[in-house]
């Protein structure tokens, strides 16, 4: 097997071909990449340095996808997954790879993605590991369905690349209490005659179970996402049972979502019983987080990200005027308020802006203004008022920033832009645009937010070149 990696293949492989390969690295979206004479083959569930017999699923002139038929010799980085559902659940696909090697691969993915798109060798620092690699997930969203014959409710995650639901009884990356509550809901909802959602027919009541969990307080809220426009007695009864059974549950809520889209929650969330928010303490700061408000799902890694941003500003731009864009509940703004002259936070979601105003009071912050509205529009208004900020913190969704939002951010930022991203491709695209418009990236610091998956959070520090 000495020449294993040098395997030659006279022509492009075809679907059904059985080939021996050694993958060289992991790529964004999670597969491992092997090459035949430079021709890329993406292999699901493989680990770099595995010696494999694979079956080609489909091939075109640019690349092929394959599945493992046999592991001839496992990679030194291959480990036994700690979750028994790893092979069927699409939740976290890298459990078969040792954690330190996952971090190496993530660093490489960020570097290569950024280099490919920007053409630059931007420094990418070693990935900061998650303080916890299990039970770290503080927001959980389970799709719900129902079996045809026994009408048993199923709640869990979809199989990778499918809409086939895997009923999850135990998930090691979330707090154990969520497993217990989910099992209680499955049993009691069925007894109360609550039906699970059928995606194809757009029928059934309960579409999703959503949990928001506070690590610091060890309590949570439960949100029922329903294919309905009014609250039925069944959900009132279920909420009462839940709050009586579990001291951890601070409140039960209902979210009305009758749309046939991939959007899990609509903007219409109402309280059934108890509170409609959780409180999370990080360091000396307290954050109120409502059902619909964005907050990082890994609190330990969120704290690391907050501190990276704070250290860059504190050490380089003392007493800065800061613009905190896509700010959610103003988590960055509040974290940075101690070292800032002034902070202006911008957030589109009304629930998050409302939380931000309360968080400002909770933390006795006197130098933060929270503005509600689309980032692009608020930026434009700030430009028209000739506002300037020493530092702009951008923390956009996965799709990155719009060109217009970046144009305004460039005009508003005197010294630095700090860009927090959960998608290396859109990060690279936006860094390229910022470079063309006067902001050079000094370095990128990745942080492991979503352990055992290909997802990567990164903090990029840019400085004005003029």
Protein backbone atom coordinates (compact mmCIF):
# COMPACT_ATOMS: atom_id res chain seq x y z
CA UNK A 1 0.00 0.00 0.00
CA UNK A 2 3.07 2.31 -0.20
CA UNK A 3 1.84 4.00 -3.37
CA UNK A 4 -1.68 4.37 -2.06
CA UNK A 5 -1.69 8.19 -2.23
CA UNK A 6 -0.11 8.21 -5.66
CA UNK A 7 -2.98 6.27 -7.16
CA UNK A 8 -3.37 7.02 -10.85
CA UNK A 9 -6.63 6.87 -12.68
CA UNK A 10 -6.62 7.04 -16.43
CA UNK A 11 -10.06 8.61 -16.67
CA UNK A 12 -12.67 10.39 -14.59
CA UNK A 13 -14.32 7.88 -12.23
CA UNK A 14 -17.95 6.97 -12.79
CA UNK A 15 -20.83 6.34 -10.39
CA UNK A 16 -20.50 2.86 -8.88
CA UNK A 17 -16.70 2.65 -9.27
CA UNK A 18 -14.85 1.19 -6.27
CA UNK A 19 -11.54 2.99 -5.67
CA UNK A 20 -8.87 3.04 -2.96
CA UNK A 21 -8.06 6.54 -1.69
CA UNK A 22 -6.43 8.50 1.14
CA UNK A 23 -8.12 11.84 1.93
CA UNK A 24 -5.71 14.70 2.56
CA UNK A 25 -7.85 17.26 4.43
CA UNK A 26 -11.33 18.26 5.59
CA UNK A 27 -13.23 20.95 3.72
CA UNK A 28 -15.99 23.42 4.60
CA UNK A 29 -19.37 21.62 4.63
CA UNK A 30 -17.66 18.72 6.38
CA UNK A 31 -16.49 16.12 3.84
CA UNK A 32 -12.90 14.92 3.44
CA UNK A 33 -11.08 15.62 0.18
CA UNK A 34 -8.99 13.08 -1.73
CA UNK A 35 -7.55 13.51 -5.22
CA UNK A 36 -6.96 11.25 -8.22
CA UNK A 37 -4.41 12.93 -10.49
CA UNK A 38 -5.64 16.29 -9.19
CA UNK A 39 -9.32 15.34 -9.65
CA UNK A 40 -11.20 16.02 -6.37
CA UNK A 41 -13.26 13.34 -4.64
CA UNK A 42 -15.32 14.33 -1.59
CA UNK A 43 -15.88 11.54 0.93
CA UNK A 44 -18.50 11.78 3.67
CA UNK A 45 -17.49 10.46 7.10
CA UNK A 46 -13.80 10.14 6.22
CA UNK A 47 -10.84 11.39 8.22
CA UNK A 48 -7.62 12.71 6.65
CA UNK A 49 -4.98 9.93 6.45
CA UNK A 50 -7.60 7.15 6.48
CA UNK A 51 -6.75 4.44 3.91
CA UNK A 52 -10.13 3.74 2.35
CA UNK A 53 -12.01 1.71 -0.18
CA UNK A 54 -14.74 4.06 -1.45
CA UNK A 55 -17.67 3.81 -3.84
CA UNK A 56 -18.25 6.74 -6.18
CA UNK A 57 -21.84 7.97 -5.81
CA UNK A 58 -21.79 10.49 -8.63
CA UNK A 59 -19.13 12.13 -10.73
CA UNK A 60 -18.96 15.05 -13.14
CA UNK A 61 -16.05 16.63 -14.98
CA UNK A 62 -15.11 18.81 -11.97
CA UNK A 63 -15.45 16.53 -8.94
CA UNK A 64 -16.96 13.33 -7.52
CA UNK A 65 -18.70 12.40 -4.27
CA UNK A 66 -18.10 9.06 -2.60
CA UNK A 67 -19.02 6.94 0.41
CA UNK A 68 -16.80 4.64 2.44
CA UNK A 69 -17.11 0.94 1.61
CA UNK A 70 -14.29 -0.13 3.93
CA UNK A 71 -11.70 1.49 6.18
CA UNK A 72 -8.54 -0.43 5.20
CA UNK A 73 -6.40 1.41 7.73
CA UNK A 74 -7.78 4.10 10.06
CA UNK A 75 -6.13 7.51 10.34
CA UNK A 76 -4.16 8.19 13.54
CA UNK A 77 -6.68 11.02 14.06
CA UNK A 78 -9.76 8.76 13.84
CA UNK A 79 -11.52 8.18 17.20
CA UNK A 80 -14.70 6.43 18.32
CA UNK A 81 -17.67 8.87 18.27
CA UNK A 82 -19.02 9.52 21.78
CA UNK A 83 -22.63 9.67 20.56
CA UNK A 84 -24.34 6.42 19.48
CA UNK A 85 -26.46 8.40 16.96
CA UNK A 86 -23.43 9.91 15.22
CA UNK A 87 -23.82 7.93 12.00
CA UNK A 88 -27.51 8.74 11.51
CA UNK A 89 -27.95 12.21 13.03
CA UNK A 90 -26.94 15.19 10.91
CA UNK A 91 -26.19 17.29 14.00
CA UNK A 92 -22.40 17.13 14.39
CA UNK A 93 -20.51 15.17 11.77
CA UNK A 94 -16.89 15.29 13.00
CA UNK A 95 -17.11 13.21 16.17
CA UNK A 96 -14.99 10.51 14.53
CA UNK A 97 -12.03 12.93 14.47
CA UNK A 98 -9.94 13.80 17.53
CA UNK A 99 -10.69 17.29 18.83
CA UNK A 100 -7.22 18.86 18.44
CA UNK A 101 -7.11 17.70 14.82
CA UNK A 102 -10.59 19.18 14.23
CA UNK A 103 -9.17 22.55 15.31
CA UNK A 104 -6.17 22.19 12.98
CA UNK A 105 -8.51 21.44 10.10
CA UNK A 106 -10.72 24.43 10.92
CA UNK A 107 -7.71 26.73 10.91
CA UNK A 108 -6.72 25.36 7.52
CA UNK A 109 -10.24 25.80 6.14
CA UNK A 110 -10.30 29.48 7.18
CA UNK A 111 -6.82 30.11 5.73
CA UNK A 112 -7.49 28.36 2.41
CA UNK A 113 -10.96 29.87 1.94
CA UNK A 114 -9.68 33.38 2.60
CA UNK A 115 -6.63 32.89 0.37
CA UNK A 116 -8.71 31.49 -2.50
CA UNK A 117 -11.16 34.41 -2.44
CA UNK A 118 -8.87 37.33 -1.48
CA UNK A 119 -5.65 36.09 -3.09
CA UNK A 120 -3.84 37.09 0.11
CA UNK A 121 -1.87 35.13 2.72
CA UNK A 122 -3.68 36.63 5.71
CA UNK A 123 -2.43 35.38 9.07
CA UNK A 124 -4.86 32.92 10.66
CA UNK A 125 -4.09 32.21 14.31
CA UNK A 126 -4.58 28.82 16.00
CA UNK A 127 -8.25 28.12 16.75
CA UNK A 128 -9.21 28.86 20.35
CA UNK A 129 -10.85 25.66 21.64
CA UNK A 130 -14.28 25.58 23.24
CA UNK A 131 -14.06 25.51 27.07
CA UNK A 132 -16.60 22.66 26.92
CA UNK A 133 -16.84 20.16 24.07
CA UNK A 134 -19.98 18.47 25.43
CA UNK A 135 -23.21 19.86 26.92
CA UNK A 136 -22.24 23.28 25.53
CA UNK A 137 -25.27 24.03 23.38
CA UNK A 138 -27.62 26.60 24.95
CA UNK A 139 -30.15 26.85 22.11
CA UNK A 140 -31.79 23.68 20.76
CA UNK A 141 -34.32 23.48 17.90
CA UNK A 142 -35.93 20.10 17.34
CA UNK A 143 -38.25 19.45 14.39
CA UNK A 144 -41.27 17.36 15.44
CA UNK A 145 -43.19 14.75 13.43
CA UNK A 146 -45.39 11.72 14.07
CA UNK A 147 -45.35 8.07 13.13
CA UNK A 148 -48.18 6.99 10.81
CA UNK A 149 -49.56 4.00 12.66
CA UNK A 150 -48.86 4.39 16.39
CA UNK A 151 -49.06 8.24 16.18
CA UNK A 152 -45.97 8.39 18.38
CA UNK A 153 -44.35 11.85 18.43
CA UNK A 154 -40.78 12.09 17.17
CA UNK A 155 -38.44 14.98 18.03
CA UNK A 156 -34.79 15.24 17.08
CA UNK A 157 -32.58 16.14 14.13
CA UNK A 158 -32.74 15.30 10.45
CA UNK A 159 -30.42 12.73 8.90
CA UNK A 160 -27.64 14.51 7.04
CA UNK A 161 -28.84 15.82 3.68
CA UNK A 162 -32.41 14.60 4.20
CA UNK A 163 -35.73 15.46 5.81
CA UNK A 164 -35.94 12.11 7.57
CA UNK A 165 -36.27 12.74 11.29
CA UNK A 166 -34.06 10.92 13.78
CA UNK A 167 -35.76 10.60 17.18
CA UNK A 168 -33.12 11.82 19.65
CA UNK A 169 -33.39 10.41 23.18
CA UNK A 170 -29.96 11.60 24.32
CA UNK A 171 -27.80 14.34 22.81
CA UNK A 172 -24.40 14.78 24.49
CA UNK A 173 -23.74 18.28 23.14
CA UNK A 174 -26.67 19.80 25.02
CA UNK A 175 -27.58 19.94 28.74
CA UNK A 176 -29.05 16.63 30.00
CA UNK A 177 -32.19 18.32 31.31
CA UNK A 178 -33.29 19.00 27.70
CA UNK A 179 -33.32 15.23 26.98
CA UNK A 180 -35.58 14.66 30.01
CA UNK A 181 -37.95 17.49 29.09
CA UNK A 182 -38.18 16.33 25.45
CA UNK A 183 -39.09 12.79 26.53
CA UNK A 184 -41.74 14.18 28.90
CA UNK A 185 -43.20 16.30 26.07
CA UNK A 186 -43.24 13.34 23.64
CA UNK A 187 -45.27 11.23 26.07
CA UNK A 188 -47.61 13.90 27.45
CA UNK A 189 -48.27 15.69 24.15
CA UNK A 190 -49.43 12.41 22.64
CA UNK A 191 -51.73 11.76 25.63
CA UNK A 192 -53.19 15.27 25.21
CA UNK A 193 -53.86 14.57 21.52
CA UNK A 194 -51.26 17.03 20.18
CA UNK A 195 -50.32 15.98 16.65
CA UNK A 196 -46.83 16.18 15.14
CA UNK A 197 -46.29 18.15 11.96
CA UNK A 198 -46.37 16.54 8.51
CA UNK A 199 -44.18 18.64 6.25
CA UNK A 200 -45.48 17.21 2.98
CA UNK A 201 -49.16 17.66 3.82
CA UNK A 202 -48.62 20.85 5.89
CA UNK A 203 -50.83 19.31 8.57
CA UNK A 204 -50.37 18.63 12.27
CA UNK A 205 -49.94 21.04 15.16
CA UNK A 206 -46.46 20.88 16.67
CA UNK A 207 -43.72 21.81 14.17
CA UNK A 208 -40.71 22.42 16.43
CA UNK A 209 -39.59 22.36 20.03
CA UNK A 210 -37.20 25.21 20.78
CA UNK A 211 -35.24 25.54 24.03
CA UNK A 212 -33.28 28.55 25.29
CA UNK A 213 -31.07 27.48 28.19
CA UNK A 214 -29.14 29.64 30.65
CA UNK A 215 -25.82 28.05 31.64
CA UNK A 216 -25.27 30.41 34.55
CA UNK A 217 -28.76 29.95 36.05
CA UNK A 218 -29.37 26.32 34.97
CA UNK A 219 -32.87 27.21 33.78
CA UNK A 220 -34.66 27.43 30.45
CA UNK A 221 -37.71 28.43 28.47
CA UNK A 222 -39.60 26.01 26.21
CA UNK A 223 -41.13 27.32 22.97
CA UNK A 224 -43.75 25.31 21.06
CA UNK A 225 -43.70 26.25 17.37
CA UNK A 226 -47.17 25.48 16.04
CA UNK A 227 -48.91 25.31 12.69
CA UNK A 228 -51.78 27.36 14.08
CA UNK A 229 -52.93 30.93 14.77
CA UNK A 230 -54.42 30.49 18.23
CA UNK A 231 -53.53 28.86 21.52
CA UNK A 232 -55.33 25.58 22.17
CA UNK A 233 -56.20 24.23 25.63
CA UNK A 234 -53.89 21.28 24.93
CA UNK A 235 -50.78 23.48 25.01
CA UNK A 236 -52.00 25.25 28.15
CA UNK A 237 -52.35 21.85 29.86
CA UNK A 238 -48.95 20.66 28.60
CA UNK A 239 -47.27 23.87 29.83
CA UNK A 240 -48.82 23.48 33.28
CA UNK A 241 -47.63 19.86 33.48
CA UNK A 242 -44.10 20.86 32.41
CA UNK A 243 -43.74 23.68 34.92
CA UNK A 244 -45.05 21.42 37.72
CA UNK A 245 -42.65 18.61 36.74
CA UNK A 246 -39.43 20.57 36.10
CA UNK A 247 -38.11 23.28 38.40
CA UNK A 248 -35.60 24.24 35.66
CA UNK A 249 -38.38 25.51 33.37
CA UNK A 250 -38.81 29.24 33.82
CA UNK A 251 -41.55 29.62 31.22
CA UNK A 252 -43.48 28.03 28.34
CA UNK A 253 -44.21 29.98 25.16
CA UNK A 254 -45.98 29.46 21.86
CA UNK A 255 -44.78 30.60 18.44
CA UNK A 256 -47.36 30.76 15.65
CA UNK A 257 -45.82 29.75 12.33
CA UNK A 258 -48.20 28.56 9.59
CA UNK A 259 -45.74 29.34 6.76
CA UNK A 260 -44.40 26.59 4.49
CA UNK A 261 -40.81 27.87 4.71
CA UNK A 262 -37.56 26.69 6.31
CA UNK A 263 -37.86 29.49 8.87
CA UNK A 264 -38.23 27.74 12.22
CA UNK A 265 -39.82 30.56 14.22
CA UNK A 266 -41.99 33.44 13.07
CA UNK A 267 -41.85 36.78 14.84
CA UNK A 268 -45.10 36.02 16.69
CA UNK A 269 -44.20 34.47 20.06
CA UNK A 270 -46.62 34.64 23.03
CA UNK A 271 -46.28 33.62 26.64
CA UNK A 272 -48.36 30.68 27.91
CA UNK A 273 -47.05 30.41 31.49
CA UNK A 274 -44.14 31.83 33.48
CA UNK A 275 -41.44 34.09 32.03
CA UNK A 276 -40.73 34.75 28.34
CA UNK A 277 -36.94 35.10 28.65
CA UNK A 278 -33.82 33.63 30.22
CA UNK A 279 -31.02 35.49 31.98
CA UNK A 280 -27.42 34.59 31.21
CA UNK A 281 -24.51 35.86 33.31
CA UNK A 282 -21.12 36.03 31.58
CA UNK A 283 -18.29 37.43 33.68
CA UNK A 284 -19.68 40.50 35.44
CA UNK A 285 -22.34 41.14 32.78
CA UNK A 286 -25.98 40.00 32.74
CA UNK A 287 -27.96 39.44 29.54
CA UNK A 288 -31.71 39.05 29.23
CA UNK A 289 -32.47 36.89 26.17
CA UNK A 290 -36.01 36.49 24.77
CA UNK A 291 -37.25 33.60 22.64
CA UNK A 292 -36.72 35.39 19.31
CA UNK A 293 -33.48 37.21 20.16
CA UNK A 294 -30.13 36.11 18.76
CA UNK A 295 -27.43 35.04 21.21
CA UNK A 296 -24.38 32.83 20.70
CA UNK A 297 -25.21 29.14 21.34
CA UNK A 298 -21.92 28.29 23.08
CA UNK A 299 -21.57 30.59 26.09
CA UNK A 300 -17.94 29.69 26.90
CA UNK A 301 -16.84 30.41 23.34
CA UNK A 302 -19.00 33.56 23.23
CA UNK A 303 -17.04 34.87 26.22
CA UNK A 304 -13.78 34.12 24.37
CA UNK A 305 -15.01 36.07 21.33
CA UNK A 306 -16.15 39.02 23.47
CA UNK A 307 -12.71 39.14 25.11
CA UNK A 308 -10.80 38.93 21.79
CA UNK A 309 -12.73 41.95 20.50
CA UNK A 310 -12.34 43.79 23.83
CA UNK A 311 -8.57 43.20 23.96
CA UNK A 312 -8.04 44.44 20.38
CA UNK A 313 -9.92 47.67 21.16
CA UNK A 314 -8.50 48.20 24.66
CA UNK A 315 -4.89 47.70 23.52
CA UNK A 316 -5.09 49.69 20.28
CA UNK A 317 -7.96 52.20 20.42
CA UNK A 318 -8.38 53.38 24.03
CA UNK A 319 -11.53 55.33 24.89
CA UNK A 320 -13.00 54.52 21.45
CA UNK A 321 -16.35 55.52 20.05
CA UNK A 322 -17.77 52.12 18.94
CA UNK A 323 -20.48 51.13 16.46
CA UNK A 324 -21.88 47.68 17.31
CA UNK A 325 -23.77 46.44 14.22
CA UNK A 326 -26.07 43.39 13.91
CA UNK A 327 -25.93 43.65 17.67
CA UNK A 328 -28.62 41.23 18.88
CA UNK A 329 -29.26 41.99 22.55
CA UNK A 330 -26.25 44.39 22.49
CA UNK A 331 -23.96 41.69 23.86
CA UNK A 332 -20.81 43.21 22.30
CA UNK A 333 -21.87 46.76 23.13
CA UNK A 334 -22.44 45.95 26.80
CA UNK A 335 -19.23 43.90 27.03
CA UNK A 336 -17.24 46.78 25.50
CA UNK A 337 -19.00 49.61 27.37
CA UNK A 338 -16.37 49.58 30.18
CA UNK A 339 -13.55 50.50 27.78
CA UNK A 340 -15.50 52.70 25.35
CA UNK A 341 -16.18 56.40 25.28
CA UNK A 342 -19.56 55.63 23.72
CA UNK A 343 -21.30 52.67 22.02
CA UNK A 344 -24.08 52.80 19.43
CA UNK A 345 -25.77 49.39 18.83
CA UNK A 346 -27.81 48.63 15.70
CA UNK A 347 -30.21 45.67 15.50
CA UNK A 348 -33.10 44.82 13.20
CA UNK A 349 -35.12 42.37 15.38
CA UNK A 350 -37.52 44.29 17.64
CA UNK A 351 -37.39 41.64 20.41
CA UNK A 352 -33.59 41.86 20.57
CA UNK A 353 -33.63 45.68 20.61
CA UNK A 354 -36.14 45.56 23.48
CA UNK A 355 -33.85 43.11 25.32
CA UNK A 356 -30.89 45.42 24.61
CA UNK A 357 -32.64 48.38 26.28
CA UNK A 358 -33.31 46.23 29.36
CA UNK A 359 -29.74 44.85 29.35
CA UNK A 360 -28.38 48.39 29.36
CA UNK A 361 -30.38 49.04 32.55
CA UNK A 362 -29.51 45.64 34.09
CA UNK A 363 -25.79 46.37 33.72
CA UNK A 364 -26.00 50.06 34.67
CA UNK A 365 -24.49 51.05 31.33
CA UNK A 366 -24.73 54.81 30.71
CA UNK A 367 -22.80 55.17 27.44
CA UNK A 368 -24.76 52.87 25.09
CA UNK A 369 -27.58 53.80 22.69
CA UNK A 370 -29.53 50.92 21.09
CA UNK A 371 -31.10 51.68 17.68
CA UNK A 372 -33.68 49.41 16.06
CA UNK A 373 -33.70 48.95 12.29
CA UNK A 374 -32.03 47.45 9.23
CA UNK A 375 -28.25 47.95 9.50
CA UNK A 376 -27.99 49.41 6.01
CA UNK A 377 -30.70 52.02 6.66
CA UNK A 378 -29.42 53.01 10.11
CA UNK A 379 -25.84 53.24 8.73
CA UNK A 380 -27.12 55.55 5.99
CA UNK A 381 -28.79 57.81 8.56
CA UNK A 382 -25.57 57.92 10.62
CA UNK A 383 -23.56 58.83 7.49
CA UNK A 384 -26.03 61.62 6.68
CA UNK A 385 -25.47 62.99 10.20
CA UNK A 386 -21.70 62.83 9.53
CA UNK A 387 -21.17 60.46 12.46
CA UNK A 388 -17.75 58.83 12.86
CA UNK A 389 -16.64 55.86 14.98
CA UNK A 390 -13.12 54.78 15.93
CA UNK A 391 -14.14 51.12 15.68
CA UNK A 392 -17.05 49.33 14.01
CA UNK A 393 -17.88 45.79 15.17
CA UNK A 394 -19.75 43.83 12.48
CA UNK A 395 -21.40 40.54 13.49
CA UNK A 396 -23.66 39.76 10.52
CA UNK A 397 -25.64 36.56 9.81
CA UNK A 398 -24.19 33.74 7.68
CA UNK A 399 -24.81 35.57 4.40
CA UNK A 400 -22.40 38.32 5.51
CA UNK A 401 -22.87 42.05 4.93
CA UNK A 402 -24.51 43.63 1.91
CA UNK A 403 -22.24 45.75 -0.29
CA UNK A 404 -24.25 48.84 0.68
CA UNK A 405 -23.87 48.11 4.41
CA UNK A 406 -20.10 47.74 3.92
CA UNK A 407 -19.93 51.00 1.96
CA UNK A 408 -21.57 52.84 4.85
CA UNK A 409 -19.43 51.02 7.47
CA UNK A 410 -16.30 52.17 5.58
CA UNK A 411 -17.52 55.80 5.71
CA UNK A 412 -18.40 55.53 9.40
CA UNK A 413 -15.16 53.87 10.59
CA UNK A 414 -12.11 56.04 11.22
CA UNK A 415 -9.57 53.51 12.48
CA UNK A 416 -10.75 49.90 12.55
CA UNK A 417 -13.41 47.37 11.61
CA UNK A 418 -13.66 44.15 13.61
CA UNK A 419 -15.64 41.54 11.68
CA UNK A 420 -17.13 38.56 13.55
CA UNK A 421 -18.18 35.81 11.14
CA UNK A 422 -19.68 32.32 11.21
CA UNK A 423 -19.00 31.65 7.50
CA UNK A 424 -15.43 31.73 6.07
CA UNK A 425 -16.67 32.22 2.48
CA UNK A 426 -18.74 35.35 3.12
CA UNK A 427 -16.04 36.61 5.51
CA UNK A 428 -13.42 36.28 2.75
CA UNK A 429 -15.69 37.99 0.21
CA UNK A 430 -16.27 40.93 2.57
CA UNK A 431 -12.58 41.18 3.59
CA UNK A 432 -11.67 41.42 -0.09
CA UNK A 433 -14.16 44.25 -0.61
CA UNK A 434 -12.95 46.07 2.51
CA UNK A 435 -9.32 45.77 1.33
CA UNK A 436 -10.28 47.34 -2.02
CA UNK A 437 -11.83 50.20 -0.04
CA UNK A 438 -9.12 51.09 2.41
CA UNK A 439 -9.19 48.46 5.20
CA UNK A 440 -6.42 45.87 5.51
CA UNK A 441 -6.88 42.66 7.52
CA UNK A 442 -4.19 42.33 10.20
CA UNK A 443 -5.14 38.80 11.24
CA UNK A 444 -8.01 36.37 11.75
CA UNK A 445 -8.62 34.62 15.07
CA UNK A 446 -10.91 31.56 14.72
CA UNK A 447 -12.86 30.37 17.77
CA UNK A 448 -14.50 26.95 18.08
CA UNK A 449 -18.16 27.68 18.70
CA UNK A 450 -19.74 24.53 17.20
CA UNK A 451 -17.59 21.59 18.35
CA UNK A 452 -17.56 18.40 16.25
CA UNK A 453 -18.98 20.18 13.19
CA UNK A 454 -17.45 22.02 10.25
CA UNK A 455 -18.86 25.38 11.40
CA UNK A 456 -16.27 27.99 12.37
CA UNK A 457 -16.56 31.36 14.07
CA UNK A 458 -13.82 33.89 13.25
CA UNK A 459 -12.84 37.36 14.42
CA UNK A 460 -11.03 39.43 11.75
CA UNK A 461 -9.22 42.63 12.78
CA UNK A 462 -8.97 45.26 10.04
CA UNK A 463 -7.29 48.65 10.12
CA UNK A 464 -7.75 51.70 7.92
CA UNK A 465 -4.79 52.03 5.54
CA UNK A 466 -5.04 55.81 5.14
